[in-house]
Amino acid sequence: MSSRQLQLMASLVLPPAAALAGAFVLMQWLHLSLLEFLLLAVGFSVFGDLVGAWRNERAIARGQAALCNDVHGRTGTVLEPFCRRGAHCHGQVRVSGTKWKARSSDGDLDCGDRVVVRGREGLVLVVERIG
């Protein structure tokens, strides 16, 4: 085996082995049976998942505001002609290398038209024709 393969194997085997050894020491130190320890571990796991989900929701809420500010004012190109649906026209644009659904009140936009982002409503950009 090469040293690279040994390093990879060690990085895959040592962390779980260390975790098991730590769990065994903790069980002995707290005077817990295996069943009690497993129930405690599952409880902490569920609690950690709930806290993680809550933190993710908060991060998404903060990230949406940051994303809106990041995209606002950027220019893009119409990828798909805009079709009128109700008061607005809807289509697809590419802004900063990312494909977005978009709406505009400027009327029909054709492929290749340049647009500027004026806002965002969820995952739909509000755009205006440039020029």
Protein backbone atom coordinates (compact mmCIF):
# COMPACT_ATOMS: atom_id res chain seq x y z
CA MET A 1 0.00 0.00 0.00
CA SER A 2 1.18 3.48 -0.76
CA SER A 3 1.39 6.14 1.93
CA ARG A 4 -1.52 7.97 0.27
CA GLN A 5 -3.72 4.88 0.57
CA LEU A 6 -2.70 4.44 4.21
CA GLN A 7 -3.56 8.08 4.95
CA LEU A 8 -6.96 7.67 3.30
CA MET A 9 -7.66 4.47 5.20
CA ALA A 10 -6.60 6.07 8.49
CA SER A 11 -8.81 9.10 7.85
CA LEU A 12 -11.79 6.78 7.27
CA VAL A 13 -11.16 4.35 10.16
CA LEU A 14 -9.75 6.47 12.98
CA PRO A 15 -12.63 8.95 13.55
CA PRO A 16 -15.31 6.24 14.08
CA ALA A 17 -12.90 4.21 16.20
CA ALA A 18 -12.15 7.26 18.36
CA ALA A 19 -15.87 7.97 18.70
CA LEU A 20 -16.58 4.40 19.82
CA ALA A 21 -13.74 4.50 22.33
CA GLY A 22 -15.00 7.83 23.66
CA ALA A 23 -18.53 6.47 23.93
CA PHE A 24 -17.30 3.44 25.86
CA VAL A 25 -15.33 5.64 28.29
CA LEU A 26 -18.33 7.95 28.74
CA MET A 27 -20.61 4.97 29.44
CA GLN A 28 -18.24 3.74 32.14
CA TRP A 29 -17.77 7.20 33.63
CA LEU A 30 -21.54 7.91 33.83
CA HIS A 31 -22.31 4.32 34.98
CA LEU A 32 -24.81 3.80 32.15
CA SER A 33 -25.99 0.55 30.66
CA LEU A 34 -25.79 0.14 26.90
CA LEU A 35 -29.56 0.67 26.54
CA GLU A 36 -29.49 3.87 28.62
CA PHE A 37 -26.55 5.15 26.63
CA LEU A 38 -28.26 4.41 23.30
CA LEU A 39 -31.47 6.13 24.40
CA LEU A 40 -29.45 9.15 25.51
CA ALA A 41 -27.55 9.20 22.21
CA VAL A 42 -30.78 9.01 20.18
CA GLY A 43 -32.30 11.80 22.28
CA PHE A 44 -29.30 14.06 21.69
CA SER A 45 -29.36 13.20 17.99
CA VAL A 46 -33.03 14.15 17.61
CA PHE A 47 -32.49 17.33 19.64
CA GLY A 48 -29.48 18.20 17.46
CA ASP A 49 -31.52 17.65 14.29
CA LEU A 50 -34.28 19.93 15.56
CA VAL A 51 -31.81 22.66 16.50
CA GLY A 52 -30.06 22.25 13.14
CA ALA A 53 -33.34 22.57 11.24
CA TRP A 54 -34.23 25.68 13.23
CA ARG A 55 -30.82 27.23 12.51
CA ASN A 56 -31.13 26.36 8.81
CA GLU A 57 -34.51 28.09 8.64
CA ARG A 58 -32.99 31.21 10.20
CA ALA A 59 -30.03 31.08 7.80
CA ILE A 60 -32.34 30.72 4.82
CA ALA A 61 -34.34 33.74 5.97
CA ARG A 62 -31.13 35.78 6.31
CA GLY A 63 -29.72 34.36 3.07
CA GLN A 64 -32.77 35.35 1.05
CA ALA A 65 -32.36 38.98 2.05
CA ALA A 66 -28.65 38.82 1.23
CA LEU A 67 -29.37 37.13 -2.11
CA CYS A 68 -31.95 39.78 -3.00
CA ASN A 69 -29.44 42.53 -2.27
CA ASP A 70 -26.75 40.65 -4.17
CA VAL A 71 -28.84 40.28 -7.35
CA HIS A 72 -30.57 43.66 -7.22
CA GLY A 73 -29.17 46.04 -9.85
CA ARG A 74 -27.30 43.34 -11.79
CA THR A 75 -27.78 42.97 -15.50
CA GLY A 76 -28.74 39.85 -17.39
CA THR A 77 -29.86 38.40 -20.69
CA VAL A 78 -33.27 37.03 -21.67
CA LEU A 79 -33.00 33.30 -22.39
CA GLU A 80 -36.63 32.57 -23.19
CA PRO A 81 -39.09 35.05 -24.74
CA PHE A 82 -41.42 36.64 -22.20
CA CYS A 83 -45.13 35.85 -22.62
CA ARG A 84 -47.89 37.99 -21.17
CA ARG A 85 -49.84 36.37 -18.33
CA GLY A 86 -52.17 38.81 -16.63
CA ALA A 87 -50.62 42.20 -15.85
CA HIS A 88 -47.02 40.99 -16.32
CA CYS A 89 -44.87 39.11 -18.82
CA HIS A 90 -43.03 36.01 -17.63
CA GLY A 91 -39.91 34.29 -18.97
CA GLN A 92 -36.37 33.23 -18.08
CA VAL A 93 -33.18 35.26 -17.74
CA ARG A 94 -29.54 34.57 -16.95
CA VAL A 95 -28.08 36.85 -14.27
CA SER A 96 -24.53 36.37 -12.94
CA GLY A 97 -24.32 32.99 -14.64
CA THR A 98 -27.51 31.66 -13.02
CA LYS A 99 -30.79 30.90 -14.79
CA TRP A 100 -33.81 32.56 -13.12
CA LYS A 101 -37.54 32.77 -13.71
CA ALA A 102 -38.44 36.41 -14.17
CA ARG A 103 -41.33 38.76 -14.69
CA SER A 104 -41.51 42.18 -16.28
CA SER A 105 -44.13 44.85 -16.85
CA ASP A 106 -42.16 46.23 -19.84
CA GLY A 107 -44.10 44.19 -22.37
CA ASP A 108 -42.79 41.27 -24.39
CA LEU A 109 -39.03 40.67 -24.16
CA ASP A 110 -37.19 38.63 -26.78
CA CYS A 111 -34.21 36.28 -26.51
CA GLY A 112 -30.97 38.21 -26.16
CA ASP A 113 -32.56 41.39 -24.75
CA ARG A 114 -30.56 42.92 -21.90
CA VAL A 115 -32.38 43.45 -18.59
CA VAL A 116 -31.59 44.86 -15.15
CA VAL A 117 -32.90 43.31 -11.90
CA ARG A 118 -35.17 45.67 -9.95
CA GLY A 119 -36.30 43.24 -7.26
CA ARG A 120 -37.13 39.71 -6.33
CA GLU A 121 -40.32 37.93 -5.27
CA GLY A 122 -39.34 34.56 -3.86
CA LEU A 123 -37.44 32.82 -6.64
CA VAL A 124 -38.76 35.10 -9.39
CA LEU A 125 -36.74 38.18 -10.39
CA VAL A 126 -38.47 41.42 -11.30
CA VAL A 127 -36.62 42.82 -14.33
CA GLU A 128 -36.71 45.82 -16.66
CA ARG A 129 -35.47 46.13 -20.22
CA ILE A 130 -32.23 48.14 -20.59
CA GLY A 131 -32.54 50.96 -23.10
